[in-house]
Amino acid sequence: DKEEQIFVVIRDKPLSSIKADIVHAFLSIPSLSHSVISQTSFRAEYKSMAGPTVFQKAVKFQVDITYAEGSEVSRENGIYSVTFTLMSEKARGDGGGSGRRERKMVGKQETGG
């Protein structure tokens, strides 16, 4: 399993809104399940329903939200970094599609829908 990371920097948005957007994106993707690890960490798993199951492997990734900068007073609307860490990929026959799915989820997060 190879590890890949994608970073998204979000500014002027409250932490609660960032978390809500991430969960909404998770819930909008069929075949994706997720769990809450901590206040600022999530783990997700995507299982494709297409193709023969013998070649399928779940795509697992973790999402971590960290506070990047700003004063403690304005922390609620500071700058946050959202890190998507790909923990495993589908079998070799997928042509790299797992990364595309992760980027699609990131795109939903960036656009808020």
PDB file of N, CA and C in Angstrom:
ATOM      1  N   ASP A   1       0.835  -1.188   0.000  1.00  0.00           N
ATOM      2  CA  ASP A   1       0.000   0.000   0.000  1.00  0.00           C
ATOM      3  C   ASP A   1       0.875   1.246   0.000  1.00  0.00           C
ATOM      4  N   LYS A   2       0.566   2.160  -0.892  1.00  0.00           N
ATOM      5  CA  LYS A   2       1.354   3.382  -0.897  1.00  0.00           C
ATOM      6  C   LYS A   2       0.529   4.498  -0.286  1.00  0.00           C
ATOM      7  N   GLU A   3       1.220   5.444   0.315  1.00  0.00           N
ATOM      8  CA  GLU A   3       0.548   6.551   0.986  1.00  0.00           C
ATOM      9  C   GLU A   3       0.693   7.810   0.151  1.00  0.00           C
ATOM     10  N   GLU A   4      -0.400   8.515  -0.047  1.00  0.00           N
ATOM     11  CA  GLU A   4      -0.411   9.744  -0.825  1.00  0.00           C
ATOM     12  C   GLU A   4      -1.196  10.772  -0.024  1.00  0.00           C
ATOM     13  N   GLN A   5      -0.759  12.031  -0.071  1.00  0.00           N
ATOM     14  CA  GLN A   5      -1.458  13.073   0.673  1.00  0.00           C
ATOM     15  C   GLN A   5      -1.862  14.215  -0.243  1.00  0.00           C
ATOM     16  N   ILE A   6      -3.039  14.756   0.028  1.00  0.00           N
ATOM     17  CA  ILE A   6      -3.536  15.949  -0.648  1.00  0.00           C
ATOM     18  C   ILE A   6      -3.892  16.945   0.443  1.00  0.00           C
ATOM     19  N   PHE A   7      -3.431  18.187   0.282  1.00  0.00           N
ATOM     20  CA  PHE A   7      -3.695  19.232   1.275  1.00  0.00           C
ATOM     21  C   PHE A   7      -4.626  20.285   0.683  1.00  0.00           C
ATOM     22  N   VAL A   8      -5.580  20.731   1.480  1.00  0.00           N
ATOM     23  CA  VAL A   8      -6.477  21.816   1.094  1.00  0.00           C
ATOM     24  C   VAL A   8      -6.415  22.851   2.200  1.00  0.00           C
ATOM     25  N   VAL A   9      -6.114  24.100   1.840  1.00  0.00           N
ATOM     26  CA  VAL A   9      -6.072  25.178   2.826  1.00  0.00           C
ATOM     27  C   VAL A   9      -7.391  25.933   2.751  1.00  0.00           C
ATOM     28  N   ILE A  10      -8.022  26.111   3.908  1.00  0.00           N
ATOM     29  CA  ILE A  10      -9.320  26.790   3.977  1.00  0.00           C
ATOM     30  C   ILE A  10      -9.189  27.961   4.929  1.00  0.00           C
ATOM     31  N   ARG A  11      -9.598  29.138   4.467  1.00  0.00           N
ATOM     32  CA  ARG A  11      -9.507  30.314   5.332  1.00  0.00           C
ATOM     33  C   ARG A  11     -10.887  30.940   5.518  1.00  0.00           C
ATOM     34  N   ASP A  12     -11.022  31.672   6.614  1.00  0.00           N
ATOM     35  CA  ASP A  12     -12.243  32.423   6.932  1.00  0.00           C
ATOM     36  C   ASP A  12     -13.495  31.553   6.937  1.00  0.00           C
ATOM     37  N   LYS A  13     -13.363  30.355   7.458  1.00  0.00           N
ATOM     38  CA  LYS A  13     -14.508  29.457   7.576  1.00  0.00           C
ATOM     39  C   LYS A  13     -14.415  28.801   8.943  1.00  0.00           C
ATOM     40  N   PRO A  14     -15.500  28.761   9.703  1.00  0.00           N
ATOM     41  CA  PRO A  14     -15.442  28.145  11.037  1.00  0.00           C
ATOM     42  C   PRO A  14     -15.196  26.638  10.958  1.00  0.00           C
ATOM     43  N   LEU A  15     -14.518  26.121  11.975  1.00  0.00           N
ATOM     44  CA  LEU A  15     -14.207  24.696  12.041  1.00  0.00           C
ATOM     45  C   LEU A  15     -15.469  23.846  11.924  1.00  0.00           C
ATOM     46  N   SER A  16     -16.539  24.262  12.586  1.00  0.00           N
ATOM     47  CA  SER A  16     -17.787  23.488  12.542  1.00  0.00           C
ATOM     48  C   SER A  16     -18.315  23.374  11.113  1.00  0.00           C
ATOM     49  N   SER A  17     -18.156  24.423  10.329  1.00  0.00           N
ATOM     50  CA  SER A  17     -18.612  24.413   8.942  1.00  0.00           C
ATOM     51  C   SER A  17     -17.733  23.503   8.076  1.00  0.00           C
ATOM     52  N   ILE A  18     -16.431  23.522   8.327  1.00  0.00           N
ATOM     53  CA  ILE A  18     -15.510  22.646   7.592  1.00  0.00           C
ATOM     54  C   ILE A  18     -15.857  21.186   7.866  1.00  0.00           C
ATOM     55  N   LYS A  19     -16.064  20.853   9.140  1.00  0.00           N
ATOM     56  CA  LYS A  19     -16.417  19.474   9.504  1.00  0.00           C
ATOM     57  C   LYS A  19     -17.744  19.069   8.868  1.00  0.00           C
ATOM     58  N   ALA A  20     -18.718  19.965   8.878  1.00  0.00           N
ATOM     59  CA  ALA A  20     -20.022  19.667   8.283  1.00  0.00           C
ATOM     60  C   ALA A  20     -19.896  19.429   6.780  1.00  0.00           C
ATOM     61  N   ASP A  21     -19.065  20.223   6.105  1.00  0.00           N
ATOM     62  CA  ASP A  21     -18.861  20.042   4.664  1.00  0.00           C
ATOM     63  C   ASP A  21     -18.217  18.692   4.356  1.00  0.00           C
ATOM     64  N   ILE A  22     -17.260  18.289   5.177  1.00  0.00           N
ATOM     65  CA  ILE A  22     -16.592  16.999   4.971  1.00  0.00           C
ATOM     66  C   ILE A  22     -17.583  15.851   5.140  1.00  0.00           C
ATOM     67  N   VAL A  23     -18.366  15.885   6.207  1.00  0.00           N
ATOM     68  CA  VAL A  23     -19.350  14.823   6.448  1.00  0.00           C
ATOM     69  C   VAL A  23     -20.398  14.805   5.338  1.00  0.00           C
ATOM     70  N   HIS A  24     -20.840  15.982   4.892  1.00  0.00           N
ATOM     71  CA  HIS A  24     -21.814  16.060   3.795  1.00  0.00           C
ATOM     72  C   HIS A  24     -21.235  15.422   2.522  1.00  0.00           C
ATOM     73  N   ALA A  25     -19.962  15.711   2.237  1.00  0.00           N
ATOM     74  CA  ALA A  25     -19.317  15.115   1.061  1.00  0.00           C
ATOM     75  C   ALA A  25     -19.249  13.595   1.201  1.00  0.00           C
ATOM     76  N   PHE A  26     -18.904  13.110   2.396  1.00  0.00           N
ATOM     77  CA  PHE A  26     -18.871  11.664   2.630  1.00  0.00           C
ATOM     78  C   PHE A  26     -20.237  11.043   2.355  1.00  0.00           C
ATOM     79  N   LEU A  27     -21.281  11.659   2.886  1.00  0.00           N
ATOM     80  CA  LEU A  27     -22.627  11.099   2.760  1.00  0.00           C
ATOM     81  C   LEU A  27     -23.160  11.162   1.333  1.00  0.00           C
ATOM     82  N   SER A  28     -22.607  12.053   0.501  1.00  0.00           N
ATOM     83  CA  SER A  28     -23.103  12.204  -0.867  1.00  0.00           C
ATOM     84  C   SER A  28     -22.451  11.228  -1.851  1.00  0.00           C
ATOM     85  N   ILE A  29     -21.474  10.448  -1.397  1.00  0.00           N
ATOM     86  CA  ILE A  29     -20.778   9.513  -2.283  1.00  0.00           C
ATOM     87  C   ILE A  29     -21.255   8.090  -1.986  1.00  0.00           C
ATOM     88  N   PRO A  30     -21.940   7.461  -2.966  1.00  0.00           N
ATOM     89  CA  PRO A  30     -22.391   6.085  -2.760  1.00  0.00           C
ATOM     90  C   PRO A  30     -21.198   5.157  -2.518  1.00  0.00           C
ATOM     91  N   SER A  31     -21.407   4.129  -1.755  1.00  0.00           N
ATOM     92  CA  SER A  31     -20.390   3.108  -1.455  1.00  0.00           C
ATOM     93  C   SER A  31     -19.252   3.622  -0.582  1.00  0.00           C
ATOM     94  N   LEU A  32     -19.423   4.775   0.051  1.00  0.00           N
ATOM     95  CA  LEU A  32     -18.391   5.294   0.946  1.00  0.00           C
ATOM     96  C   LEU A  32     -18.925   5.277   2.369  1.00  0.00           C
ATOM     97  N   SER A  33     -18.155   4.693   3.271  1.00  0.00           N
ATOM     98  CA  SER A  33     -18.530   4.710   4.686  1.00  0.00           C
ATOM     99  C   SER A  33     -17.453   5.474   5.434  1.00  0.00           C
ATOM    100  N   HIS A  34     -17.838   6.087   6.543  1.00  0.00           N
ATOM    101  CA  HIS A  34     -16.846   6.855   7.297  1.00  0.00           C
ATOM    102  C   HIS A  34     -17.077   6.702   8.789  1.00  0.00           C
ATOM    103  N   SER A  35     -16.039   7.019   9.546  1.00  0.00           N
ATOM    104  CA  SER A  35     -16.145   7.016  11.001  1.00  0.00           C
ATOM    105  C   SER A  35     -15.387   8.222  11.538  1.00  0.00           C
ATOM    106  N   VAL A  36     -15.814   8.671  12.705  1.00  0.00           N
ATOM    107  CA  VAL A  36     -15.182   9.810  13.360  1.00  0.00           C
ATOM    108  C   VAL A  36     -14.122   9.268  14.307  1.00  0.00           C
ATOM    109  N   ILE A  37     -12.885   9.715  14.140  1.00  0.00           N
ATOM    110  CA  ILE A  37     -11.784   9.276  14.993  1.00  0.00           C
ATOM    111  C   ILE A  37     -11.625  10.225  16.176  1.00  0.00           C
ATOM    112  N   SER A  38     -11.721  11.525  15.889  1.00  0.00           N
ATOM    113  CA  SER A  38     -11.603  12.544  16.940  1.00  0.00           C
ATOM    114  C   SER A  38     -12.367  13.781  16.481  1.00  0.00           C
ATOM    115  N   GLN A  39     -12.265  14.858  17.236  1.00  0.00           N
ATOM    116  CA  GLN A  39     -12.956  16.106  16.879  1.00  0.00           C
ATOM    117  C   GLN A  39     -12.542  16.612  15.501  1.00  0.00           C
ATOM    118  N   THR A  40     -11.306  16.304  15.086  1.00  0.00           N
ATOM    119  CA  THR A  40     -10.793  16.843  13.825  1.00  0.00           C
ATOM    120  C   THR A  40     -10.233  15.774  12.889  1.00  0.00           C
ATOM    121  N   SER A  41     -10.601  14.510  13.094  1.00  0.00           N
ATOM    122  CA  SER A  41     -10.114  13.431  12.227  1.00  0.00           C
ATOM    123  C   SER A  41     -11.237  12.475  11.856  1.00  0.00           C
ATOM    124  N   PHE A  42     -11.219  12.061  10.600  1.00  0.00           N
ATOM    125  CA  PHE A  42     -12.194  11.115  10.078  1.00  0.00           C
ATOM    126  C   PHE A  42     -11.453  10.041   9.302  1.00  0.00           C
ATOM    127  N   ARG A  43     -12.034   8.864   9.232  1.00  0.00           N
ATOM    128  CA  ARG A  43     -11.495   7.802   8.397  1.00  0.00           C
ATOM    129  C   ARG A  43     -12.622   7.355   7.471  1.00  0.00           C
ATOM    130  N   ALA A  44     -12.298   7.134   6.208  1.00  0.00           N
ATOM    131  CA  ALA A  44     -13.310   6.753   5.231  1.00  0.00           C
ATOM    132  C   ALA A  44     -12.829   5.570   4.404  1.00  0.00           C
ATOM    133  N   GLU A  45     -13.801   4.822   3.888  1.00  0.00           N
ATOM    134  CA  GLU A  45     -13.499   3.663   3.046  1.00  0.00           C
ATOM    135  C   GLU A  45     -14.476   3.640   1.887  1.00  0.00           C
ATOM    136  N   TYR A  46     -13.933   3.504   0.683  1.00  0.00           N
ATOM    137  CA  TYR A  46     -14.742   3.453  -0.526  1.00  0.00           C
ATOM    138  C   TYR A  46     -14.610   2.072  -1.148  1.00  0.00           C
ATOM    139  N   LYS A  47     -15.761   1.454  -1.432  1.00  0.00           N
ATOM    140  CA  LYS A  47     -15.768   0.156  -2.109  1.00  0.00           C
ATOM    141  C   LYS A  47     -16.594   0.296  -3.375  1.00  0.00           C
ATOM    142  N   SER A  48     -15.955   0.117  -4.504  1.00  0.00           N
ATOM    143  CA  SER A  48     -16.639   0.216  -5.788  1.00  0.00           C
ATOM    144  C   SER A  48     -17.538  -1.000  -5.985  1.00  0.00           C
ATOM    145  N   MET A  49     -18.684  -0.779  -6.584  1.00  0.00           N
ATOM    146  CA  MET A  49     -19.597  -1.880  -6.869  1.00  0.00           C
ATOM    147  C   MET A  49     -19.447  -2.359  -8.310  1.00  0.00           C
ATOM    148  N   ALA A  50     -18.560  -1.729  -9.101  1.00  0.00           N
ATOM    149  CA  ALA A  50     -18.387  -2.088 -10.510  1.00  0.00           C
ATOM    150  C   ALA A  50     -17.274  -3.118 -10.669  1.00  0.00           C
ATOM    151  N   GLY A  51     -17.397  -3.946 -11.675  1.00  0.00           N
ATOM    152  CA  GLY A  51     -16.339  -4.897 -12.016  1.00  0.00           C
ATOM    153  C   GLY A  51     -16.338  -6.124 -11.137  1.00  0.00           C
ATOM    154  N   PRO A  52     -15.497  -7.093 -11.508  1.00  0.00           N
ATOM    155  CA  PRO A  52     -15.414  -8.336 -10.734  1.00  0.00           C
ATOM    156  C   PRO A  52     -14.800  -8.097  -9.358  1.00  0.00           C
ATOM    157  N   THR A  53     -15.401  -8.679  -8.350  1.00  0.00           N
ATOM    158  CA  THR A  53     -14.955  -8.442  -6.974  1.00  0.00           C
ATOM    159  C   THR A  53     -13.567  -8.988  -6.698  1.00  0.00           C
ATOM    160  N   VAL A  54     -13.098  -9.940  -7.497  1.00  0.00           N
ATOM    161  CA  VAL A  54     -11.779 -10.514  -7.259  1.00  0.00           C
ATOM    162  C   VAL A  54     -10.668  -9.472  -7.432  1.00  0.00           C
ATOM    163  N   PHE A  55     -10.906  -8.424  -8.241  1.00  0.00           N
ATOM    164  CA  PHE A  55      -9.898  -7.388  -8.476  1.00  0.00           C
ATOM    165  C   PHE A  55     -10.106  -6.160  -7.601  1.00  0.00           C
ATOM    166  N   GLN A  56     -11.073  -6.199  -6.735  1.00  0.00           N
ATOM    167  CA  GLN A  56     -11.396  -5.015  -5.959  1.00  0.00           C
ATOM    168  C   GLN A  56     -10.726  -5.014  -4.601  1.00  0.00           C
ATOM    169  N   LYS A  57     -10.336  -3.843  -4.197  1.00  0.00           N
ATOM    170  CA  LYS A  57      -9.776  -3.629  -2.874  1.00  0.00           C
ATOM    171  C   LYS A  57     -10.312  -2.287  -2.403  1.00  0.00           C
ATOM    172  N   ALA A  58     -10.684  -2.197  -1.161  1.00  0.00           N
ATOM    173  CA  ALA A  58     -11.240  -0.946  -0.648  1.00  0.00           C
ATOM    174  C   ALA A  58     -10.194   0.163  -0.687  1.00  0.00           C
ATOM    175  N   VAL A  59     -10.660   1.368  -0.962  1.00  0.00           N
ATOM    176  CA  VAL A  59      -9.804   2.550  -0.900  1.00  0.00           C
ATOM    177  C   VAL A  59     -10.049   3.189   0.457  1.00  0.00           C
ATOM    178  N   LYS A  60      -9.002   3.270   1.263  1.00  0.00           N
ATOM    179  CA  LYS A  60      -9.134   3.823   2.610  1.00  0.00           C
ATOM    180  C   LYS A  60      -8.329   5.105   2.702  1.00  0.00           C
ATOM    181  N   PHE A  61      -8.932   6.119   3.330  1.00  0.00           N
ATOM    182  CA  PHE A  61      -8.190   7.352   3.541  1.00  0.00           C
ATOM    183  C   PHE A  61      -8.613   8.013   4.834  1.00  0.00           C
ATOM    184  N   GLN A  62      -7.742   8.858   5.322  1.00  0.00           N
ATOM    185  CA  GLN A  62      -8.001   9.588   6.560  1.00  0.00           C
ATOM    186  C   GLN A  62      -8.016  11.074   6.253  1.00  0.00           C
ATOM    187  N   VAL A  63      -8.880  11.809   6.938  1.00  0.00           N
ATOM    188  CA  VAL A  63      -8.975  13.255   6.791  1.00  0.00           C
ATOM    189  C   VAL A  63      -8.673  13.886   8.145  1.00  0.00           C
ATOM    190  N   ASP A  64      -7.677  14.763   8.170  1.00  0.00           N
ATOM    191  CA  ASP A  64      -7.298  15.463   9.398  1.00  0.00           C
ATOM    192  C   ASP A  64      -7.399  16.964   9.178  1.00  0.00           C
ATOM    193  N   ILE A  65      -8.023  17.658  10.123  1.00  0.00           N
ATOM    194  CA  ILE A  65      -8.137  19.117  10.066  1.00  0.00           C
ATOM    195  C   ILE A  65      -7.200  19.688  11.119  1.00  0.00           C
ATOM    196  N   THR A  66      -6.300  20.568  10.699  1.00  0.00           N
ATOM    197  CA  THR A  66      -5.388  21.197  11.652  1.00  0.00           C
ATOM    198  C   THR A  66      -5.478  22.704  11.521  1.00  0.00           C
ATOM    199  N   TYR A  67      -5.305  23.378  12.651  1.00  0.00           N
ATOM    200  CA  TYR A  67      -5.326  24.834  12.680  1.00  0.00           C
ATOM    201  C   TYR A  67      -3.983  25.333  12.181  1.00  0.00           C
ATOM    202  N   ALA A  68      -3.980  26.187  11.170  1.00  0.00           N
ATOM    203  CA  ALA A  68      -2.727  26.628  10.562  1.00  0.00           C
ATOM    204  C   ALA A  68      -2.216  27.941  11.136  1.00  0.00           C
ATOM    205  N   GLU A  69      -3.035  28.990  11.116  1.00  0.00           N
ATOM    206  CA  GLU A  69      -2.562  30.262  11.665  1.00  0.00           C
ATOM    207  C   GLU A  69      -3.707  31.213  11.966  1.00  0.00           C
ATOM    208  N   GLY A  70      -3.360  32.314  12.645  1.00  0.00           N
ATOM    209  CA  GLY A  70      -4.333  33.299  13.095  1.00  0.00           C
ATOM    210  C   GLY A  70      -4.252  33.396  14.602  1.00  0.00           C
ATOM    211  N   SER A  71      -4.812  34.447  15.158  1.00  0.00           N
ATOM    212  CA  SER A  71      -4.746  34.603  16.610  1.00  0.00           C
ATOM    213  C   SER A  71      -5.728  33.654  17.280  1.00  0.00           C
ATOM    214  N   GLU A  72      -5.462  33.319  18.520  1.00  0.00           N
ATOM    215  CA  GLU A  72      -6.359  32.428  19.265  1.00  0.00           C
ATOM    216  C   GLU A  72      -7.761  33.022  19.367  1.00  0.00           C
ATOM    217  N   VAL A  73      -7.836  34.342  19.431  1.00  0.00           N
ATOM    218  CA  VAL A  73      -9.141  35.004  19.539  1.00  0.00           C
ATOM    219  C   VAL A  73      -9.977  34.736  18.290  1.00  0.00           C
ATOM    220  N   SER A  74      -9.335  34.774  17.121  1.00  0.00           N
ATOM    221  CA  SER A  74     -10.076  34.588  15.869  1.00  0.00           C
ATOM    222  C   SER A  74      -9.935  33.166  15.323  1.00  0.00           C
ATOM    223  N   ARG A  75      -9.578  32.232  16.189  1.00  0.00           N
ATOM    224  CA  ARG A  75      -9.323  30.857  15.747  1.00  0.00           C
ATOM    225  C   ARG A  75     -10.511  30.251  15.007  1.00  0.00           C
ATOM    226  N   GLU A  76     -11.706  30.610  15.396  1.00  0.00           N
ATOM    227  CA  GLU A  76     -12.886  30.026  14.757  1.00  0.00           C
ATOM    228  C   GLU A  76     -12.920  30.330  13.258  1.00  0.00           C
ATOM    229  N   ASN A  77     -12.393  31.482  12.843  1.00  0.00           N
ATOM    230  CA  ASN A  77     -12.369  31.822  11.421  1.00  0.00           C
ATOM    231  C   ASN A  77     -10.944  32.020  10.922  1.00  0.00           C
ATOM    232  N   GLY A  78     -10.004  31.238  11.433  1.00  0.00           N
ATOM    233  CA  GLY A  78      -8.611  31.341  11.020  1.00  0.00           C
ATOM    234  C   GLY A  78      -8.358  30.574   9.733  1.00  0.00           C
ATOM    235  N   ILE A  79      -7.136  30.083   9.599  1.00  0.00           N
ATOM    236  CA  ILE A  79      -6.755  29.301   8.429  1.00  0.00           C
ATOM    237  C   ILE A  79      -6.558  27.851   8.879  1.00  0.00           C
ATOM    238  N   TYR A  80      -7.239  26.952   8.200  1.00  0.00           N
ATOM    239  CA  TYR A  80      -7.156  25.530   8.518  1.00  0.00           C
ATOM    240  C   TYR A  80      -6.562  24.772   7.337  1.00  0.00           C
ATOM    241  N   SER A  81      -5.853  23.707   7.646  1.00  0.00           N
ATOM    242  CA  SER A  81      -5.339  22.804   6.626  1.00  0.00           C
ATOM    243  C   SER A  81      -6.091  21.485   6.763  1.00  0.00           C
ATOM    244  N   VAL A  82      -6.659  21.022   5.665  1.00  0.00           N
ATOM    245  CA  VAL A  82      -7.346  19.733   5.647  1.00  0.00           C
ATOM    246  C   VAL A  82      -6.463  18.773   4.852  1.00  0.00           C
ATOM    247  N   THR A  83      -6.028  17.708   5.506  1.00  0.00           N
ATOM    248  CA  THR A  83      -5.124  16.740   4.881  1.00  0.00           C
ATOM    249  C   THR A  83      -5.876  15.448   4.596  1.00  0.00           C
ATOM    250  N   PHE A  84      -5.882  15.047   3.339  1.00  0.00           N
ATOM    251  CA  PHE A  84      -6.472  13.782   2.914  1.00  0.00           C
ATOM    252  C   PHE A  84      -5.314  12.816   2.685  1.00  0.00           C
ATOM    253  N   THR A  85      -5.236  11.759   3.491  1.00  0.00           N
ATOM    254  CA  THR A  85      -4.154  10.781   3.368  1.00  0.00           C
ATOM    255  C   THR A  85      -4.717   9.469   2.849  1.00  0.00           C
ATOM    256  N   LEU A  86      -4.300   9.098   1.647  1.00  0.00           N
ATOM    257  CA  LEU A  86      -4.720   7.841   1.042  1.00  0.00           C
ATOM    258  C   LEU A  86      -3.936   6.718   1.700  1.00  0.00           C
ATOM    259  N   MET A  87      -4.647   5.760   2.289  1.00  0.00           N
ATOM    260  CA  MET A  87      -3.989   4.703   3.050  1.00  0.00           C
ATOM    261  C   MET A  87      -3.838   3.415   2.256  1.00  0.00           C
ATOM    262  N   SER A  88      -4.669   3.204   1.248  1.00  0.00           N
ATOM    263  CA  SER A  88      -4.544   2.026   0.394  1.00  0.00           C
ATOM    264  C   SER A  88      -5.226   2.324  -0.927  1.00  0.00           C
ATOM    265  N   GLU A  89      -4.880   1.549  -1.930  1.00  0.00           N
ATOM    266  CA  GLU A  89      -5.462   1.752  -3.254  1.00  0.00           C
ATOM    267  C   GLU A  89      -6.101   0.465  -3.740  1.00  0.00           C
ATOM    268  N   LYS A  90      -6.921   0.606  -4.769  1.00  0.00           N
ATOM    269  CA  LYS A  90      -7.533  -0.568  -5.386  1.00  0.00           C
ATOM    270  C   LYS A  90      -6.466  -1.386  -6.097  1.00  0.00           C
ATOM    271  N   ALA A  91      -6.829  -2.581  -6.490  1.00  0.00           N
ATOM    272  CA  ALA A  91      -5.897  -3.463  -7.199  1.00  0.00           C
ATOM    273  C   ALA A  91      -5.339  -2.775  -8.443  1.00  0.00           C
ATOM    274  N   ARG A  92      -4.195  -3.223  -8.902  1.00  0.00           N
ATOM    275  CA  ARG A  92      -3.470  -2.596 -10.009  1.00  0.00           C
ATOM    276  C   ARG A  92      -4.329  -2.378 -11.252  1.00  0.00           C
ATOM    277  N   GLY A  93      -5.314  -3.196 -11.508  1.00  0.00           N
ATOM    278  CA  GLY A  93      -6.109  -3.091 -12.719  1.00  0.00           C
ATOM    279  C   GLY A  93      -6.982  -1.857 -12.801  1.00  0.00           C
ATOM    280  N   ASP A  94      -6.942  -0.977 -11.802  1.00  0.00           N
ATOM    281  CA  ASP A  94      -7.868   0.160 -11.797  1.00  0.00           C
ATOM    282  C   ASP A  94      -7.305   1.381 -12.504  1.00  0.00           C
ATOM    283  N   GLY A  95      -6.038   1.379 -12.902  1.00  0.00           N
ATOM    284  CA  GLY A  95      -5.477   2.496 -13.653  1.00  0.00           C
ATOM    285  C   GLY A  95      -5.396   3.783 -12.869  1.00  0.00           C
ATOM    286  N   GLY A  96      -5.327   3.724 -11.559  1.00  0.00           N
ATOM    287  CA  GLY A  96      -5.186   4.940 -10.763  1.00  0.00           C
ATOM    288  C   GLY A  96      -6.494   5.615 -10.416  1.00  0.00           C
ATOM    289  N   GLY A  97      -7.605   4.954 -10.623  1.00  0.00           N
ATOM    290  CA  GLY A  97      -8.910   5.563 -10.371  1.00  0.00           C
ATOM    291  C   GLY A  97      -9.153   5.941  -8.930  1.00  0.00           C
ATOM    292  N   SER A  98      -8.498   5.261  -7.994  1.00  0.00           N
ATOM    293  CA  SER A  98      -8.726   5.562  -6.583  1.00  0.00           C
ATOM    294  C   SER A  98      -8.307   6.980  -6.260  1.00  0.00           C
ATOM    295  N   GLY A  99      -7.204   7.440  -6.831  1.00  0.00           N
ATOM    296  CA  GLY A  99      -6.772   8.818  -6.627  1.00  0.00           C
ATOM    297  C   GLY A  99      -7.776   9.796  -7.199  1.00  0.00           C
ATOM    298  N   ARG A 100      -8.365   9.448  -8.341  1.00  0.00           N
ATOM    299  CA  ARG A 100      -9.384  10.315  -8.940  1.00  0.00           C
ATOM    300  C   ARG A 100     -10.595  10.427  -8.023  1.00  0.00           C
ATOM    301  N   ARG A 101     -11.001   9.315  -7.398  1.00  0.00           N
ATOM    302  CA  ARG A 101     -12.151   9.367  -6.493  1.00  0.00           C
ATOM    303  C   ARG A 101     -11.848  10.237  -5.287  1.00  0.00           C
ATOM    304  N   GLU A 102     -10.619  10.124  -4.749  1.00  0.00           N
ATOM    305  CA  GLU A 102     -10.249  10.953  -3.604  1.00  0.00           C
ATOM    306  C   GLU A 102     -10.266  12.428  -4.008  1.00  0.00           C
ATOM    307  N   ARG A 103      -9.744  12.742  -5.201  1.00  0.00           N
ATOM    308  CA  ARG A 103      -9.744  14.136  -5.647  1.00  0.00           C
ATOM    309  C   ARG A 103     -11.171  14.628  -5.885  1.00  0.00           C
ATOM    310  N   LYS A 104     -12.071  13.740  -6.330  1.00  0.00           N
ATOM    311  CA  LYS A 104     -13.469  14.124  -6.518  1.00  0.00           C
ATOM    312  C   LYS A 104     -14.086  14.514  -5.176  1.00  0.00           C
ATOM    313  N   MET A 105     -13.769  13.741  -4.126  1.00  0.00           N
ATOM    314  CA  MET A 105     -14.274  14.057  -2.789  1.00  0.00           C
ATOM    315  C   MET A 105     -13.686  15.379  -2.316  1.00  0.00           C
ATOM    316  N   VAL A 106     -12.390  15.609  -2.593  1.00  0.00           N
ATOM    317  CA  VAL A 106     -11.750  16.865  -2.212  1.00  0.00           C
ATOM    318  C   VAL A 106     -12.413  18.013  -2.959  1.00  0.00           C
ATOM    319  N   GLY A 107     -12.721  17.812  -4.234  1.00  0.00           N
ATOM    320  CA  GLY A 107     -13.392  18.845  -5.024  1.00  0.00           C
ATOM    321  C   GLY A 107     -14.742  19.208  -4.443  1.00  0.00           C
ATOM    322  N   LYS A 108     -15.480  18.219  -3.959  1.00  0.00           N
ATOM    323  CA  LYS A 108     -16.766  18.495  -3.319  1.00  0.00           C
ATOM    324  C   LYS A 108     -16.558  19.340  -2.074  1.00  0.00           C
ATOM    325  N   GLN A 109     -15.480  19.062  -1.313  1.00  0.00           N
ATOM    326  CA  GLN A 109     -15.176  19.822  -0.102  1.00  0.00           C
ATOM    327  C   GLN A 109     -14.838  21.266  -0.457  1.00  0.00           C
ATOM    328  N   GLU A 110     -14.011  21.469  -1.505  1.00  0.00           N
ATOM    329  CA  GLU A 110     -13.571  22.813  -1.865  1.00  0.00           C
ATOM    330  C   GLU A 110     -14.721  23.675  -2.355  1.00  0.00           C
ATOM    331  N   THR A 111     -15.661  23.076  -3.096  1.00  0.00           N
ATOM    332  CA  THR A 111     -16.757  23.852  -3.649  1.00  0.00           C
ATOM    333  C   THR A 111     -17.951  23.921  -2.708  1.00  0.00           C
ATOM    334  N   GLY A 112     -17.900  23.168  -1.634  1.00  0.00           N
ATOM    335  CA  GLY A 112     -19.005  23.192  -0.669  1.00  0.00           C
ATOM    336  C   GLY A 112     -20.219  22.445  -1.152  1.00  0.00           C
ATOM    337  N   GLY A 113     -20.085  21.526  -2.081  1.00  0.00           N
ATOM    338  CA  GLY A 113     -21.237  20.773  -2.527  1.00  0.00           C
ATOM    339  C   GLY A 113     -20.824  19.669  -3.321  1.00  0.00           C
TER     340      GLY A 113
END
